[in-house]
């Protein structure tokens, strides 16, 4: 039996751009996409937190370290600049793989900066530890066994962002329940 489980999630991303004249896709800063294990052209489900609409498209990498989240082509009709969205991808797993699977999740603030990271066997970390100096990055768990992609070097992605990854509960009450 195969189950479909959440593989990657970028929660509360702020739309930073929209272009009707571009091919359909959603451009995401490469560092954020790599951190949660999204690969270029991977099918994604996007939920708009402002209007409740959901739509499918595919991810493309945008310029890293810019916090880019841009709706392209027809998807530009599904959201406005400044609206918050959730970007999700899924993986098919066996029951055995599902038993050890942990999705990779980042929660962003209104500037598309990481407020919290969850994935693998992470332990809770208060968001006050969110941005220690580069080089103080903890090693992260590899991508789940049921991920359709090879493991992404999330430690390198975090270092390229210039900050460590906050893990676990946020000090912001509204971010403690991920939907």
Protein backbone atom coordinates (compact mmCIF):
# COMPACT_ATOMS: atom_id res chain seq x y z
CA UNK A 1 0.00 0.00 0.00
CA UNK A 2 1.17 3.53 -0.80
CA UNK A 3 0.29 6.63 1.20
CA UNK A 4 0.64 10.23 0.07
CA UNK A 5 2.24 12.35 2.80
CA UNK A 6 3.36 15.95 3.10
CA UNK A 7 7.02 16.16 2.00
CA UNK A 8 7.74 19.89 1.96
CA UNK A 9 5.96 22.99 3.20
CA UNK A 10 6.72 26.69 3.09
CA UNK A 11 4.12 28.23 5.39
CA UNK A 12 2.93 31.85 5.40
CA UNK A 13 5.13 33.00 2.49
CA UNK A 14 4.39 36.53 1.30
CA UNK A 15 3.80 36.95 -2.43
CA UNK A 16 6.50 39.34 -3.66
CA UNK A 17 5.67 39.44 -7.36
CA UNK A 18 3.26 38.38 -10.09
CA UNK A 19 3.69 38.23 -13.85
CA UNK A 20 0.89 37.27 -16.24
CA UNK A 21 3.32 37.24 -19.16
CA UNK A 22 5.50 34.46 -17.74
CA UNK A 23 4.97 30.70 -18.12
CA UNK A 24 2.83 29.18 -15.39
CA UNK A 25 4.87 28.44 -12.28
CA UNK A 26 5.74 29.74 -8.86
CA UNK A 27 9.24 31.15 -8.42
CA UNK A 28 10.69 30.57 -4.96
CA UNK A 29 14.09 31.77 -3.74
CA UNK A 30 16.37 28.79 -4.34
CA UNK A 31 17.64 28.71 -0.75
CA UNK A 32 14.12 28.37 0.67
CA UNK A 33 13.10 25.74 -1.89
CA UNK A 34 16.25 23.67 -1.32
CA UNK A 35 15.86 23.91 2.44
CA UNK A 36 12.54 22.05 2.36
CA UNK A 37 13.61 19.71 -0.43
CA UNK A 38 11.67 21.20 -3.35
CA UNK A 39 13.30 20.55 -6.70
CA UNK A 40 12.86 22.61 -9.89
CA UNK A 41 9.68 21.72 -11.79
CA UNK A 42 8.24 19.76 -8.86
CA UNK A 43 4.44 19.80 -8.68
CA UNK A 44 3.20 21.91 -5.78
CA UNK A 45 -0.13 22.70 -4.16
CA UNK A 46 -0.52 26.32 -3.09
CA UNK A 47 -3.10 27.64 -0.64
CA UNK A 48 -3.82 31.36 -0.46
CA UNK A 49 -4.41 32.30 3.18
CA UNK A 50 -6.18 35.54 2.18
CA UNK A 51 -8.89 34.14 -0.06
CA UNK A 52 -8.87 30.39 0.63
CA UNK A 53 -8.15 29.43 -2.97
CA UNK A 54 -5.93 26.46 -3.71
CA UNK A 55 -4.16 25.75 -6.96
CA UNK A 56 -1.54 23.46 -8.41
CA UNK A 57 1.49 24.53 -10.41
CA UNK A 58 5.19 23.73 -10.35
CA UNK A 59 8.12 25.28 -8.55
CA UNK A 60 11.03 27.04 -10.19
CA UNK A 61 14.06 28.44 -8.42
CA UNK A 62 14.34 32.18 -8.05
CA UNK A 63 17.37 34.17 -7.02
CA UNK A 64 18.60 32.94 -3.62
CA UNK A 65 18.57 35.04 -0.43
CA UNK A 66 15.96 37.46 -1.79
CA UNK A 67 12.83 35.95 -0.23
CA UNK A 68 11.23 35.74 -3.68
CA UNK A 69 7.80 34.18 -4.00
CA UNK A 70 6.42 35.10 -7.41
CA UNK A 71 3.23 33.95 -9.10
CA UNK A 72 3.69 33.48 -12.85
CA UNK A 73 1.25 33.09 -15.72
CA UNK A 74 -2.27 32.01 -14.81
CA UNK A 75 -1.24 31.60 -11.15
CA UNK A 76 -0.86 35.40 -10.99
CA UNK A 77 -4.69 35.51 -10.89
CA UNK A 78 -4.68 33.42 -7.69
CA UNK A 79 -2.97 35.93 -5.44
CA UNK A 80 -1.85 39.50 -5.00
CA UNK A 81 1.47 40.95 -3.92
CA UNK A 82 1.52 41.03 -0.12
CA UNK A 83 -0.87 38.09 0.38
CA UNK A 84 0.29 35.09 2.42
CA UNK A 85 0.39 31.63 0.86
CA UNK A 86 1.35 28.10 1.86
CA UNK A 87 3.36 26.02 -0.62
CA UNK A 88 3.24 22.23 -0.26
CA UNK A 89 4.60 19.16 -2.02
CA UNK A 90 3.81 15.53 -1.34
CA UNK A 91 5.56 12.17 -1.62
CA UNK A 92 4.26 8.63 -2.01
CA UNK A 93 5.46 6.28 0.72
CA UNK A 94 5.08 2.72 1.81
CA UNK A 95 3.71 2.09 5.31
CA UNK A 96 7.25 1.36 6.50
CA UNK A 97 8.59 4.62 5.05
CA UNK A 98 5.62 6.55 6.45
CA UNK A 99 6.44 5.32 9.96
CA UNK A 100 9.73 7.28 9.93
CA UNK A 101 8.81 10.11 7.56
CA UNK A 102 9.11 13.70 8.78
CA UNK A 103 8.11 16.55 6.44
CA UNK A 104 10.44 19.52 6.05
CA UNK A 105 8.61 22.72 6.99
CA UNK A 106 9.63 26.36 7.19
CA UNK A 107 7.42 29.09 8.59
CA UNK A 108 8.14 32.57 7.28
CA UNK A 109 7.42 36.07 8.53
CA UNK A 110 6.00 38.88 6.36
CA UNK A 111 9.48 39.53 4.88
CA UNK A 112 9.89 35.85 3.93
CA UNK A 113 12.51 35.36 6.61
CA UNK A 114 12.55 32.04 8.42
CA UNK A 115 10.77 32.14 11.76
CA UNK A 116 10.89 28.38 12.35
CA UNK A 117 12.17 25.19 10.71
CA UNK A 118 10.79 21.72 11.39
CA UNK A 119 12.04 18.52 9.90
CA UNK A 120 13.69 15.24 10.70
CA UNK A 121 14.22 14.75 14.41
CA UNK A 122 14.37 18.46 15.25
CA UNK A 123 13.93 19.62 18.81
CA UNK A 124 12.01 22.70 19.86
CA UNK A 125 13.84 25.97 19.61
CA UNK A 126 12.52 29.38 20.55
CA UNK A 127 12.45 31.86 17.67
CA UNK A 128 14.71 34.19 19.66
CA UNK A 129 17.51 31.87 18.45
CA UNK A 130 16.36 32.33 14.86
CA UNK A 131 19.30 34.21 13.40
CA UNK A 132 22.60 33.36 15.09
CA UNK A 133 25.77 34.08 13.11
CA UNK A 134 26.61 31.99 10.05
CA UNK A 135 28.71 28.99 11.00
CA UNK A 136 26.58 28.27 14.06
CA UNK A 137 24.26 26.14 11.95
CA UNK A 138 23.21 22.78 13.36
CA UNK A 139 23.27 19.75 11.10
CA UNK A 140 19.82 18.86 9.89
CA UNK A 141 18.23 15.47 9.37
CA UNK A 142 18.30 14.15 5.80
CA UNK A 143 15.23 14.22 3.59
CA UNK A 144 12.73 11.49 4.44
CA UNK A 145 13.13 7.96 3.10
CA UNK A 146 9.92 8.35 1.09
CA UNK A 147 11.02 11.56 -0.61
CA UNK A 148 11.09 11.19 -4.39
CA UNK A 149 14.26 13.29 -4.57
CA UNK A 150 17.77 12.60 -3.39
CA UNK A 151 18.76 14.11 -0.07
CA UNK A 152 19.31 17.86 -0.19
CA UNK A 153 22.25 19.27 1.72
CA UNK A 154 20.12 21.42 4.02
CA UNK A 155 23.08 22.44 6.15
CA UNK A 156 24.77 23.98 3.11
CA UNK A 157 21.48 25.67 2.16
CA UNK A 158 21.23 27.17 5.64
CA UNK A 159 24.81 28.40 5.57
CA UNK A 160 24.23 29.99 2.16
CA UNK A 161 21.28 31.86 3.70
CA UNK A 162 23.62 33.29 6.31
CA UNK A 163 21.62 32.14 9.34
CA UNK A 164 20.82 29.09 11.39
CA UNK A 165 17.45 27.46 11.34
CA UNK A 166 15.05 27.95 14.23
CA UNK A 167 13.36 24.70 15.16
CA UNK A 168 10.16 23.75 16.94
CA UNK A 169 7.75 26.12 18.61
CA UNK A 170 7.70 29.80 17.82
CA UNK A 171 7.34 32.49 20.45
CA UNK A 172 4.63 33.97 18.21
CA UNK A 173 1.33 32.33 19.30
CA UNK A 174 -0.23 32.63 15.84
CA UNK A 175 2.55 30.49 14.36
CA UNK A 176 2.33 27.58 16.79
CA UNK A 177 -0.47 25.88 14.87
CA UNK A 178 0.64 25.07 11.35
CA UNK A 179 -2.23 24.50 8.97
